[in-house]
Amino acid sequence: RSAAAVGAAGTFEASSPLSLATLAAAATAASVLLKGRSGSSAAAARRSAGGRSPLVAVKAFETELGVQAPFGFWDPMGLSSDGDAENFRRRRQTELKHGRISMLATMGYITPEITGKFPGYLSPSLGLKFEDIPNGLAAVSKVPAAGWMQILAYMSFCEASVDQSAGTPGGTGDLGFKVLTAEDPVQKTRKLNSELANGRLAMMAIMGMFFQDGLTGSAWGDWSLYTDSPLRAL
């Protein structure tokens, strides 16, 4: 399945565990290599946690959002083995933010191909229409400098307009945007879990899109255009 299809599927079905199976297998293999045969990583983690077992340390995080079947609390790199709640919150905030950006980026790849471009001019002074901007990475060199300045200014506004320090609602990802929330606690938890799962899928999807776009020159990954592929010799 193409990365675009993975991103689109993640938008509609957040809680499907099979969509993360490949990622889980790769990360688990990496974890085995990192820990080594001697178990030295586990011993180091116990020392950093003040003598506590990493298994005991991460128990505190097993009820957090994003802990979903079939993997449960999935931390193959052992980043939370020291039980440091502050570091966990910081990483969760970063994960949530990157996931939201990746969901927007993934849909930004898909939507113009399906619905078409906006009518009119992107830059009247340059005579540049929206339809003149290609989809994907090729758009980077086509958008005028003033356009990039506007994008960066808006990003800076979003980042600075809400206090996101530890202990604040912004620090947990609550930026006051309540369109998709719910009054029922069970439904709210489900939606928050779905957001994390969709964000994780979108981060993988957008990286796949970038790679296939960069290699083939096509936002949808037309591999017939990748003439340097070593597979052509097979």
Protein backbone atom coordinates (compact mmCIF):
# COMPACT_ATOMS: atom_id res chain seq x y z
CA ARG A 1 0.00 0.00 0.00
CA SER A 2 1.29 3.50 -0.78
CA ALA A 3 2.17 5.93 2.01
CA ALA A 4 -0.69 8.16 0.83
CA ALA A 5 -3.12 5.31 1.34
CA VAL A 6 -1.73 4.68 4.81
CA GLY A 7 -2.19 8.34 5.71
CA ALA A 8 -5.72 8.39 4.38
CA ALA A 9 -6.61 5.20 6.23
CA GLY A 10 -5.24 6.61 9.47
CA THR A 11 -7.53 9.63 9.13
CA PHE A 12 -10.62 7.44 9.28
CA GLU A 13 -9.61 4.53 11.52
CA ALA A 14 -7.39 5.63 14.38
CA SER A 15 -7.54 2.55 16.54
CA SER A 16 -6.59 -0.15 14.04
CA PRO A 17 -3.63 -1.96 15.59
CA LEU A 18 -2.65 -3.76 12.39
CA SER A 19 -1.71 -0.48 10.73
CA LEU A 20 1.20 -0.18 13.16
CA ALA A 21 2.39 -3.81 12.93
CA THR A 22 5.28 -3.15 10.56
CA LEU A 23 6.53 -0.21 12.62
CA ALA A 24 6.28 -2.28 15.78
CA ALA A 25 8.31 -5.13 14.32
CA ALA A 26 11.08 -2.80 13.15
CA ALA A 27 11.29 -0.96 16.46
CA THR A 28 11.29 -4.19 18.45
CA ALA A 29 14.19 -5.50 16.38
CA ALA A 30 16.08 -2.26 16.99
CA SER A 31 15.42 -2.55 20.70
CA VAL A 32 16.90 -6.06 20.79
CA LEU A 33 20.03 -4.86 19.04
CA LEU A 34 20.42 -1.89 21.36
CA LYS A 35 20.01 -3.89 24.55
CA GLY A 36 22.52 -6.54 23.52
CA ARG A 37 22.94 -10.03 24.88
CA SER A 38 24.36 -9.04 28.22
CA GLY A 39 21.41 -6.98 29.43
CA SER A 40 23.69 -4.02 30.15
CA SER A 41 21.02 -1.55 29.03
CA ALA A 42 18.62 -2.84 31.66
CA ALA A 43 21.27 -2.50 34.35
CA ALA A 44 22.09 1.05 33.25
CA ALA A 45 18.40 1.92 33.31
CA ARG A 46 18.11 0.61 36.87
CA ARG A 47 21.05 2.72 37.95
CA SER A 48 19.59 5.86 36.32
CA ALA A 49 16.26 5.17 38.00
CA GLY A 50 17.90 5.06 41.42
CA GLY A 51 17.97 1.29 41.61
CA ARG A 52 14.35 0.81 40.58
CA SER A 53 13.49 -1.79 37.97
CA PRO A 54 12.54 -0.20 34.59
CA LEU A 55 9.45 -2.40 34.61
CA VAL A 56 8.33 -0.79 37.87
CA ALA A 57 9.25 2.70 36.66
CA VAL A 58 7.11 2.57 33.52
CA LYS A 59 4.08 1.23 35.39
CA ALA A 60 3.25 4.84 36.17
CA PHE A 61 2.70 5.52 32.45
CA GLU A 62 0.61 2.48 31.55
CA THR A 63 -2.66 4.35 32.08
CA GLU A 64 -1.67 7.31 29.92
CA LEU A 65 -3.39 8.25 26.67
CA GLY A 66 -1.96 6.47 23.66
CA VAL A 67 -1.53 3.15 25.48
CA GLN A 68 -3.57 0.94 23.15
CA ALA A 69 -3.92 -2.73 22.27
CA PRO A 70 -2.21 -4.89 21.22
CA PHE A 71 1.11 -3.32 22.27
CA GLY A 72 0.04 -1.59 25.48
CA PHE A 73 2.73 0.77 26.75
CA TRP A 74 5.10 0.57 23.77
CA ASP A 75 8.54 1.99 24.50
CA PRO A 76 11.08 -0.25 22.70
CA MET A 77 13.90 2.26 23.19
CA GLY A 78 13.34 2.43 26.95
CA LEU A 79 13.07 6.22 26.98
CA SER A 80 10.69 6.13 29.94
CA SER A 81 12.57 3.50 31.93
CA ASP A 82 13.82 6.11 34.41
CA GLY A 83 10.24 6.92 35.43
CA ASP A 84 10.78 10.67 34.94
CA ALA A 85 7.26 12.10 34.59
CA GLU A 86 8.46 15.52 33.43
CA ASN A 87 10.42 14.04 30.53
CA PHE A 88 7.46 11.85 29.64
CA ARG A 89 5.13 14.88 29.52
CA ARG A 90 7.60 16.79 27.35
CA ARG A 91 7.91 13.89 24.89
CA ARG A 92 4.13 13.44 24.82
CA GLN A 93 3.64 17.15 24.08
CA THR A 94 6.18 16.90 21.25
CA GLU A 95 4.56 13.75 19.87
CA LEU A 96 1.13 15.36 19.89
CA LYS A 97 2.38 18.50 18.17
CA HIS A 98 4.30 16.60 15.49
CA GLY A 99 1.32 14.32 14.94
CA ARG A 100 -1.03 17.25 14.37
CA ILE A 101 1.37 18.88 11.91
CA SER A 102 1.84 15.57 10.09
CA MET A 103 -1.92 15.03 9.78
CA LEU A 104 -2.27 18.44 8.17
CA ALA A 105 0.72 17.77 5.91
CA THR A 106 -0.62 14.37 4.84
CA MET A 107 -3.99 15.84 3.95
CA GLY A 108 -2.18 18.68 2.20
CA TYR A 109 -0.64 16.09 -0.11
CA ILE A 110 -3.89 14.22 -0.73
CA THR A 111 -6.56 16.94 -0.93
CA PRO A 112 -5.30 18.98 -3.93
CA GLU A 113 -5.00 15.81 -6.01
CA ILE A 114 -8.63 14.93 -5.27
CA THR A 115 -10.43 18.27 -5.09
CA GLY A 116 -8.17 20.42 -7.25
CA LYS A 117 -6.59 23.79 -6.47
CA PHE A 118 -8.16 27.06 -5.30
CA PRO A 119 -9.29 29.38 -8.09
CA GLY A 120 -7.61 32.73 -8.58
CA TYR A 121 -4.13 34.05 -7.88
CA LEU A 122 -1.71 33.10 -5.15
CA SER A 123 0.36 36.18 -5.98
CA PRO A 124 -1.38 38.73 -8.23
CA SER A 125 1.76 40.89 -8.41
CA LEU A 126 3.73 37.94 -9.82
CA GLY A 127 0.86 36.64 -11.93
CA LEU A 128 1.09 33.33 -10.06
CA LYS A 129 -2.09 31.28 -9.82
CA PHE A 130 -2.84 28.55 -7.30
CA GLU A 131 -3.06 26.06 -10.13
CA ASP A 132 0.52 26.96 -11.10
CA ILE A 133 1.82 25.51 -7.82
CA PRO A 134 2.64 21.81 -8.15
CA ASN A 135 1.75 19.35 -5.45
CA GLY A 136 4.41 17.90 -3.16
CA LEU A 137 8.04 18.93 -2.72
CA ALA A 138 8.11 20.74 -6.06
CA ALA A 139 5.96 23.47 -4.49
CA VAL A 140 8.81 24.53 -2.17
CA SER A 141 10.64 26.42 -4.92
CA LYS A 142 7.45 27.85 -6.46
CA VAL A 143 5.92 29.61 -3.45
CA PRO A 144 7.15 33.24 -3.28
CA ALA A 145 9.33 34.33 -0.37
CA ALA A 146 6.51 36.53 0.96
CA GLY A 147 4.30 33.45 1.06
CA TRP A 148 6.82 31.54 3.17
CA MET A 149 7.12 34.53 5.49
CA GLN A 150 3.36 34.47 6.02
CA ILE A 151 3.43 30.74 6.75
CA LEU A 152 6.27 31.14 9.26
CA ALA A 153 4.55 34.13 10.89
CA TYR A 154 1.35 32.13 11.39
CA MET A 155 3.28 29.18 12.81
CA SER A 156 5.04 31.52 15.24
CA PHE A 157 1.71 33.02 16.29
CA CYS A 158 0.23 29.57 16.96
CA GLU A 159 3.30 28.62 18.99
CA ALA A 160 3.48 31.79 21.07
CA SER A 161 -0.21 32.68 21.52
CA VAL A 162 -0.86 29.92 24.09
CA ASP A 163 1.14 29.17 27.22
CA GLN A 164 2.48 25.64 26.69
CA SER A 165 4.64 25.41 29.79
CA ALA A 166 4.43 22.43 32.14
CA GLY A 167 1.27 22.28 34.22
CA THR A 168 -0.84 24.41 31.87
CA PRO A 169 -3.66 23.17 29.57
CA GLY A 170 -1.46 24.11 26.61
CA GLY A 171 1.24 21.85 27.98
CA THR A 172 -1.09 18.88 27.53
CA GLY A 173 -2.07 19.90 23.99
CA ASP A 174 -5.30 21.68 24.97
CA LEU A 175 -5.17 24.86 22.90
CA GLY A 176 -8.85 25.75 23.32
CA PHE A 177 -9.97 24.18 20.03
CA LYS A 178 -13.09 22.30 21.16
CA VAL A 179 -14.79 21.36 17.88
CA LEU A 180 -14.10 17.61 18.14
CA THR A 181 -14.35 17.18 21.92
CA ALA A 182 -17.07 15.39 23.91
CA GLU A 183 -18.77 15.85 27.26
CA ASP A 184 -18.83 12.11 27.96
CA PRO A 185 -15.47 11.15 29.57
CA VAL A 186 -15.36 7.79 27.76
CA GLN A 187 -15.97 9.37 24.37
CA LYS A 188 -13.48 12.13 25.10
CA THR A 189 -10.77 9.60 26.02
CA ARG A 190 -11.51 7.63 22.84
CA LYS A 191 -11.17 10.75 20.71
CA LEU A 192 -7.92 11.79 22.39
CA ASN A 193 -6.54 8.28 21.84
CA SER A 194 -7.66 8.46 18.22
CA GLU A 195 -5.83 11.75 17.77
CA LEU A 196 -2.59 10.23 19.02
CA ALA A 197 -3.00 7.12 16.86
CA ASN A 198 -3.84 9.18 13.76
CA GLY A 199 -0.87 11.43 14.43
CA ARG A 200 1.49 8.46 14.69
CA LEU A 201 0.22 7.06 11.40
CA ALA A 202 0.46 10.47 9.76
CA MET A 203 4.10 10.91 10.85
CA MET A 204 4.97 7.65 9.11
CA ALA A 205 2.80 8.50 6.09
CA ILE A 206 4.25 11.95 5.46
CA MET A 207 7.82 10.64 5.68
CA GLY A 208 6.90 7.96 3.16
CA MET A 209 5.41 10.62 0.89
CA PHE A 210 8.54 12.77 1.15
CA PHE A 211 10.78 9.85 0.23
CA GLN A 212 8.70 8.66 -2.72
CA ASP A 213 8.28 12.24 -3.93
CA GLY A 214 12.01 12.92 -3.68
CA LEU A 215 12.95 9.69 -5.48
CA THR A 216 10.34 9.77 -8.22
CA GLY A 217 9.58 13.48 -8.61
CA SER A 218 5.90 12.68 -8.22
CA ALA A 219 3.81 13.47 -5.15
CA TRP A 220 2.02 10.16 -5.62
CA GLY A 221 5.21 8.16 -6.13
CA ASP A 222 5.18 7.14 -9.79
CA TRP A 223 7.98 4.59 -9.53
CA SER A 224 8.27 4.32 -13.30
CA LEU A 225 10.00 7.71 -13.08
CA TYR A 226 12.67 6.40 -10.70
CA THR A 227 15.19 5.38 -13.36
CA ASP A 228 18.04 4.93 -10.87
CA SER A 229 16.26 2.19 -8.96
CA PRO A 230 18.53 -0.85 -8.38
CA LEU A 231 15.42 -3.02 -8.79
CA ARG A 232 15.48 -2.30 -12.55
CA ALA A 233 18.49 -4.56 -12.86
CA LEU A 234 16.58 -7.53 -11.50
